[in-house]
Structure formats: structure tokens, C-alpha cells
Amino acid sequence: MQAIITEQQQTALIKKQAINRLTRTQLANKLNLARTTVKDVLDKQVPFVVSGKTFTAVNNYLLEDL
């Protein structure tokens, strides 16, 4: 399964990373993803396609605070 990371998701992830003062390595560990995958999610021009695992990890992390 593949899914698309939107600009809103990317922006929310960057904000949450900053608020929690996480490095990219810490964020990757929290999401249980490779650091290179997290780098792509944070830096690539959106929208772009990611694996289902990456999409689920990002969305679950963003939904933790709701």
C-alpha cells in the first residue's frame, strides 16, 4: 500500500518536532522509521508518495495529541 504525504502533514510534523525539541534521529526512533525516511518526509517537496508503514507512523504520531 502506498499513500501521499500532504503539505499539511509535513508542516504539522515539523511543528511537532520543534515543539518537542526532537532531533531527526530522535524523531526517527519515536516513529520507528529509518532516519533517511524521516529526512525525506521532512525535506521533500510535497505531495509525494510513501509506503503505508511510513504514512501510518506519521499519522499516528500526529494524532497522539488529539
PDB file of N, CA and C in Angstrom:
ATOM      1  N   MET A   1       0.837  -1.182   0.000  1.00  0.00           N
ATOM      2  CA  MET A   1       0.000   0.000   0.000  1.00  0.00           C
ATOM      3  C   MET A   1       0.882   1.247   0.000  1.00  0.00           C
ATOM      4  N   GLN A   2       0.460   2.230  -0.739  1.00  0.00           N
ATOM      5  CA  GLN A   2       1.170   3.498  -0.765  1.00  0.00           C
ATOM      6  C   GLN A   2       0.187   4.623  -0.451  1.00  0.00           C
ATOM      7  N   ALA A   3       0.722   5.698   0.088  1.00  0.00           N
ATOM      8  CA  ALA A   3      -0.108   6.850   0.433  1.00  0.00           C
ATOM      9  C   ALA A   3       0.677   8.120   0.147  1.00  0.00           C
ATOM     10  N   ILE A   4      -0.021   9.242   0.216  1.00  0.00           N
ATOM     11  CA  ILE A   4       0.587  10.529  -0.119  1.00  0.00           C
ATOM     12  C   ILE A   4       0.713  11.390   1.132  1.00  0.00           C
ATOM     13  N   ILE A   5       1.904  11.946   1.332  1.00  0.00           N
ATOM     14  CA  ILE A   5       2.137  12.914   2.399  1.00  0.00           C
ATOM     15  C   ILE A   5       1.775  14.294   1.846  1.00  0.00           C
ATOM     16  N   THR A   6       0.899  14.983   2.547  1.00  0.00           N
ATOM     17  CA  THR A   6       0.454  16.306   2.103  1.00  0.00           C
ATOM     18  C   THR A   6       1.281  17.405   2.781  1.00  0.00           C
ATOM     19  N   GLU A   7       1.111  18.611   2.299  1.00  0.00           N
ATOM     20  CA  GLU A   7       1.810  19.753   2.882  1.00  0.00           C
ATOM     21  C   GLU A   7       1.381  19.967   4.332  1.00  0.00           C
ATOM     22  N   GLN A   8       0.106  19.763   4.630  1.00  0.00           N
ATOM     23  CA  GLN A   8      -0.390  19.938   5.991  1.00  0.00           C
ATOM     24  C   GLN A   8       0.251  18.929   6.942  1.00  0.00           C
ATOM     25  N   GLN A   9       0.392  17.690   6.498  1.00  0.00           N
ATOM     26  CA  GLN A   9       1.023  16.671   7.336  1.00  0.00           C
ATOM     27  C   GLN A   9       2.496  16.998   7.570  1.00  0.00           C
ATOM     28  N   GLN A  10       3.182  17.396   6.514  1.00  0.00           N
ATOM     29  CA  GLN A  10       4.597  17.724   6.623  1.00  0.00           C
ATOM     30  C   GLN A  10       4.794  18.905   7.580  1.00  0.00           C
ATOM     31  N   THR A  11       3.990  19.933   7.431  1.00  0.00           N
ATOM     32  CA  THR A  11       4.089  21.109   8.290  1.00  0.00           C
ATOM     33  C   THR A  11       3.794  20.750   9.744  1.00  0.00           C
ATOM     34  N   ALA A  12       2.767  19.958   9.972  1.00  0.00           N
ATOM     35  CA  ALA A  12       2.410  19.549  11.331  1.00  0.00           C
ATOM     36  C   ALA A  12       3.524  18.725  11.964  1.00  0.00           C
ATOM     37  N   LEU A  13       4.148  17.865  11.191  1.00  0.00           N
ATOM     38  CA  LEU A  13       5.239  17.045  11.708  1.00  0.00           C
ATOM     39  C   LEU A  13       6.438  17.914  12.076  1.00  0.00           C
ATOM     40  N   ILE A  14       6.761  18.873  11.242  1.00  0.00           N
ATOM     41  CA  ILE A  14       7.878  19.783  11.525  1.00  0.00           C
ATOM     42  C   ILE A  14       7.584  20.593  12.794  1.00  0.00           C
ATOM     43  N   LYS A  15       6.355  21.085  12.937  1.00  0.00           N
ATOM     44  CA  LYS A  15       5.981  21.852  14.131  1.00  0.00           C
ATOM     45  C   LYS A  15       6.072  21.000  15.390  1.00  0.00           C
ATOM     46  N   LYS A  16       5.551  19.776  15.316  1.00  0.00           N
ATOM     47  CA  LYS A  16       5.557  18.905  16.487  1.00  0.00           C
ATOM     48  C   LYS A  16       6.986  18.529  16.860  1.00  0.00           C
ATOM     49  N   GLN A  17       7.827  18.315  15.869  1.00  0.00           N
ATOM     50  CA  GLN A  17       9.235  18.018  16.128  1.00  0.00           C
ATOM     51  C   GLN A  17       9.878  19.193  16.864  1.00  0.00           C
ATOM     52  N   ALA A  18       9.599  20.403  16.423  1.00  0.00           N
ATOM     53  CA  ALA A  18      10.183  21.600  17.034  1.00  0.00           C
ATOM     54  C   ALA A  18       9.656  21.813  18.455  1.00  0.00           C
ATOM     55  N   ILE A  19       8.360  21.656  18.643  1.00  0.00           N
ATOM     56  CA  ILE A  19       7.754  21.861  19.965  1.00  0.00           C
ATOM     57  C   ILE A  19       8.337  20.881  20.983  1.00  0.00           C
ATOM     58  N   ASN A  20       8.542  19.635  20.545  1.00  0.00           N
ATOM     59  CA  ASN A  20       9.090  18.607  21.434  1.00  0.00           C
ATOM     60  C   ASN A  20      10.618  18.614  21.470  1.00  0.00           C
ATOM     61  N   ARG A  21      11.228  19.522  20.701  1.00  0.00           N
ATOM     62  CA  ARG A  21      12.687  19.666  20.652  1.00  0.00           C
ATOM     63  C   ARG A  21      13.381  18.337  20.347  1.00  0.00           C
ATOM     64  N   LEU A  22      12.900  17.672  19.305  1.00  0.00           N
ATOM     65  CA  LEU A  22      13.468  16.393  18.902  1.00  0.00           C
ATOM     66  C   LEU A  22      14.429  16.579  17.737  1.00  0.00           C
ATOM     67  N   THR A  23      15.537  15.865  17.783  1.00  0.00           N
ATOM     68  CA  THR A  23      16.408  15.812  16.619  1.00  0.00           C
ATOM     69  C   THR A  23      15.771  14.864  15.614  1.00  0.00           C
ATOM     70  N   ARG A  24      16.306  14.844  14.416  1.00  0.00           N
ATOM     71  CA  ARG A  24      15.762  13.925  13.416  1.00  0.00           C
ATOM     72  C   ARG A  24      15.968  12.475  13.828  1.00  0.00           C
ATOM     73  N   THR A  25      17.077  12.192  14.470  1.00  0.00           N
ATOM     74  CA  THR A  25      17.338  10.834  14.938  1.00  0.00           C
ATOM     75  C   THR A  25      16.337  10.438  16.018  1.00  0.00           C
ATOM     76  N   GLN A  26      16.062  11.346  16.950  1.00  0.00           N
ATOM     77  CA  GLN A  26      15.079  11.060  17.995  1.00  0.00           C
ATOM     78  C   GLN A  26      13.687  10.873  17.403  1.00  0.00           C
ATOM     79  N   LEU A  27      13.345  11.695  16.427  1.00  0.00           N
ATOM     80  CA  LEU A  27      12.050  11.570  15.766  1.00  0.00           C
ATOM     81  C   LEU A  27      11.955  10.237  15.036  1.00  0.00           C
ATOM     82  N   ALA A  28      13.019   9.847  14.361  1.00  0.00           N
ATOM     83  CA  ALA A  28      13.033   8.569  13.659  1.00  0.00           C
ATOM     84  C   ALA A  28      12.840   7.410  14.635  1.00  0.00           C
ATOM     85  N   ASN A  29      13.481   7.479  15.784  1.00  0.00           N
ATOM     86  CA  ASN A  29      13.311   6.427  16.793  1.00  0.00           C
ATOM     87  C   ASN A  29      11.882   6.402  17.315  1.00  0.00           C
ATOM     88  N   LYS A  30      11.311   7.569  17.540  1.00  0.00           N
ATOM     89  CA  LYS A  30       9.935   7.656  18.050  1.00  0.00           C
ATOM     90  C   LYS A  30       8.932   7.096  17.033  1.00  0.00           C
ATOM     91  N   LEU A  31       9.195   7.348  15.744  1.00  0.00           N
ATOM     92  CA  LEU A  31       8.309   6.864  14.679  1.00  0.00           C
ATOM     93  C   LEU A  31       8.622   5.429  14.268  1.00  0.00           C
ATOM     94  N   ASN A  32       9.752   4.905  14.751  1.00  0.00           N
ATOM     95  CA  ASN A  32      10.208   3.567  14.370  1.00  0.00           C
ATOM     96  C   ASN A  32      10.448   3.487  12.854  1.00  0.00           C
ATOM     97  N   LEU A  33      11.076   4.542  12.326  1.00  0.00           N
ATOM     98  CA  LEU A  33      11.408   4.625  10.906  1.00  0.00           C
ATOM     99  C   LEU A  33      12.898   4.907  10.765  1.00  0.00           C
ATOM    100  N   ALA A  34      13.429   4.641   9.596  1.00  0.00           N
ATOM    101  CA  ALA A  34      14.831   4.962   9.325  1.00  0.00           C
ATOM    102  C   ALA A  34      15.013   6.472   9.283  1.00  0.00           C
ATOM    103  N   ARG A  35      16.196   6.924   9.688  1.00  0.00           N
ATOM    104  CA  ARG A  35      16.484   8.360   9.689  1.00  0.00           C
ATOM    105  C   ARG A  35      16.376   8.939   8.278  1.00  0.00           C
ATOM    106  N   THR A  36      16.788   8.182   7.279  1.00  0.00           N
ATOM    107  CA  THR A  36      16.696   8.672   5.898  1.00  0.00           C
ATOM    108  C   THR A  36      15.243   8.842   5.466  1.00  0.00           C
ATOM    109  N   THR A  37      14.377   7.982   5.954  1.00  0.00           N
ATOM    110  CA  THR A  37      12.946   8.105   5.643  1.00  0.00           C
ATOM    111  C   THR A  37      12.384   9.367   6.274  1.00  0.00           C
ATOM    112  N   VAL A  38      12.754   9.620   7.514  1.00  0.00           N
ATOM    113  CA  VAL A  38      12.293  10.831   8.206  1.00  0.00           C
ATOM    114  C   VAL A  38      12.828  12.067   7.492  1.00  0.00           C
ATOM    115  N   LYS A  39      14.072  12.024   7.054  1.00  0.00           N
ATOM    116  CA  LYS A  39      14.650  13.139   6.302  1.00  0.00           C
ATOM    117  C   LYS A  39      13.828  13.418   5.057  1.00  0.00           C
ATOM    118  N   ASP A  40      13.449  12.364   4.330  1.00  0.00           N
ATOM    119  CA  ASP A  40      12.625  12.540   3.133  1.00  0.00           C
ATOM    120  C   ASP A  40      11.271  13.162   3.475  1.00  0.00           C
ATOM    121  N   VAL A  41      10.634  12.671   4.528  1.00  0.00           N
ATOM    122  CA  VAL A  41       9.316  13.174   4.911  1.00  0.00           C
ATOM    123  C   VAL A  41       9.393  14.657   5.284  1.00  0.00           C
ATOM    124  N   LEU A  42      10.464  15.059   5.926  1.00  0.00           N
ATOM    125  CA  LEU A  42      10.599  16.448   6.362  1.00  0.00           C
ATOM    126  C   LEU A  42      11.079  17.382   5.259  1.00  0.00           C
ATOM    127  N   ASP A  43      11.872  16.868   4.309  1.00  0.00           N
ATOM    128  CA  ASP A  43      12.542  17.744   3.346  1.00  0.00           C
ATOM    129  C   ASP A  43      12.015  17.702   1.920  1.00  0.00           C
ATOM    130  N   LYS A  44      11.407  16.606   1.507  1.00  0.00           N
ATOM    131  CA  LYS A  44      10.969  16.505   0.113  1.00  0.00           C
ATOM    132  C   LYS A  44       9.849  17.492  -0.185  1.00  0.00           C
ATOM    133  N   GLN A  45       9.799  17.877  -1.455  1.00  0.00           N
ATOM    134  CA  GLN A  45       8.703  18.747  -1.887  1.00  0.00           C
ATOM    135  C   GLN A  45       7.420  17.923  -1.917  1.00  0.00           C
ATOM    136  N   VAL A  46       6.379  18.442  -1.311  1.00  0.00           N
ATOM    137  CA  VAL A  46       5.106  17.728  -1.214  1.00  0.00           C
ATOM    138  C   VAL A  46       4.198  18.115  -2.357  1.00  0.00           C
ATOM    139  N   PRO A  47       3.242  17.291  -2.705  1.00  0.00           N
ATOM    140  CA  PRO A  47       2.954  15.954  -2.187  1.00  0.00           C
ATOM    141  C   PRO A  47       3.881  14.906  -2.795  1.00  0.00           C
ATOM    142  N   PHE A  48       4.114  13.836  -2.036  1.00  0.00           N
ATOM    143  CA  PHE A  48       4.905  12.720  -2.537  1.00  0.00           C
ATOM    144  C   PHE A  48       4.411  11.418  -1.926  1.00  0.00           C
ATOM    145  N   VAL A  49       4.759  10.321  -2.572  1.00  0.00           N
ATOM    146  CA  VAL A  49       4.262   9.001  -2.186  1.00  0.00           C
ATOM    147  C   VAL A  49       5.221   8.359  -1.188  1.00  0.00           C
ATOM    148  N   VAL A  50       4.649   7.751  -0.155  1.00  0.00           N
ATOM    149  CA  VAL A  50       5.416   6.999   0.837  1.00  0.00           C
ATOM    150  C   VAL A  50       4.750   5.639   1.031  1.00  0.00           C
ATOM    151  N   SER A  51       5.448   4.754   1.709  1.00  0.00           N
ATOM    152  CA  SER A  51       4.874   3.439   1.994  1.00  0.00           C
ATOM    153  C   SER A  51       3.764   3.568   3.032  1.00  0.00           C
ATOM    154  N   GLY A  52       2.945   2.558   3.113  1.00  0.00           N
ATOM    155  CA  GLY A  52       1.862   2.539   4.090  1.00  0.00           C
ATOM    156  C   GLY A  52       2.370   2.611   5.511  1.00  0.00           C
ATOM    157  N   LYS A  53       3.506   1.944   5.792  1.00  0.00           N
ATOM    158  CA  LYS A  53       4.093   1.955   7.138  1.00  0.00           C
ATOM    159  C   LYS A  53       4.494   3.379   7.530  1.00  0.00           C
ATOM    160  N   THR A  54       5.126   4.084   6.620  1.00  0.00           N
ATOM    161  CA  THR A  54       5.559   5.457   6.891  1.00  0.00           C
ATOM    162  C   THR A  54       4.357   6.358   7.110  1.00  0.00           C
ATOM    163  N   PHE A  55       3.367   6.249   6.250  1.00  0.00           N
ATOM    164  CA  PHE A  55       2.161   7.071   6.358  1.00  0.00           C
ATOM    165  C   PHE A  55       1.466   6.836   7.693  1.00  0.00           C
ATOM    166  N   THR A  56       1.321   5.569   8.074  1.00  0.00           N
ATOM    167  CA  THR A  56       0.659   5.221   9.331  1.00  0.00           C
ATOM    168  C   THR A  56       1.446   5.746  10.526  1.00  0.00           C
ATOM    169  N   ALA A  57       2.771   5.601  10.495  1.00  0.00           N
ATOM    170  CA  ALA A  57       3.605   6.068  11.602  1.00  0.00           C
ATOM    171  C   ALA A  57       3.488   7.582  11.773  1.00  0.00           C
ATOM    172  N   VAL A  58       3.534   8.312  10.666  1.00  0.00           N
ATOM    173  CA  VAL A  58       3.435   9.777  10.714  1.00  0.00           C
ATOM    174  C   VAL A  58       2.057  10.188  11.240  1.00  0.00           C
ATOM    175  N   ASN A  59       1.016   9.605  10.711  1.00  0.00           N
ATOM    176  CA  ASN A  59      -0.341   9.984  11.134  1.00  0.00           C
ATOM    177  C   ASN A  59      -0.603   9.634  12.581  1.00  0.00           C
ATOM    178  N   ASN A  60      -0.171   8.452  13.018  1.00  0.00           N
ATOM    179  CA  ASN A  60      -0.373   8.070  14.428  1.00  0.00           C
ATOM    180  C   ASN A  60       0.353   9.023  15.362  1.00  0.00           C
ATOM    181  N   TYR A  61       1.562   9.436  14.982  1.00  0.00           N
ATOM    182  CA  TYR A  61       2.325  10.379  15.798  1.00  0.00           C
ATOM    183  C   TYR A  61       1.621  11.735  15.854  1.00  0.00           C
ATOM    184  N   LEU A  62       1.098  12.185  14.743  1.00  0.00           N
ATOM    185  CA  LEU A  62       0.403  13.473  14.729  1.00  0.00           C
ATOM    186  C   LEU A  62      -0.903  13.431  15.515  1.00  0.00           C
ATOM    187  N   LEU A  63      -1.528  12.272  15.560  1.00  0.00           N
ATOM    188  CA  LEU A  63      -2.810  12.135  16.251  1.00  0.00           C
ATOM    189  C   LEU A  63      -2.670  11.894  17.757  1.00  0.00           C
ATOM    190  N   GLU A  64      -1.453  11.669  18.242  1.00  0.00           N
ATOM    191  CA  GLU A  64      -1.245  11.398  19.672  1.00  0.00           C
ATOM    192  C   GLU A  64      -1.809  12.490  20.566  1.00  0.00           C
ATOM    193  N   ASP A  65      -1.698  13.730  20.150  1.00  0.00           N
ATOM    194  CA  ASP A  65      -2.108  14.850  20.991  1.00  0.00           C
ATOM    195  C   ASP A  65      -3.591  15.168  20.943  1.00  0.00           C
ATOM    196  N   LEU A  66      -4.304  14.567  20.029  1.00  0.00           N
ATOM    197  CA  LEU A  66      -5.731  14.879  19.891  1.00  0.00           C
ATOM    198  C   LEU A  66      -6.570  14.139  20.914  1.00  0.00           C
TER     199      LEU A  66
END
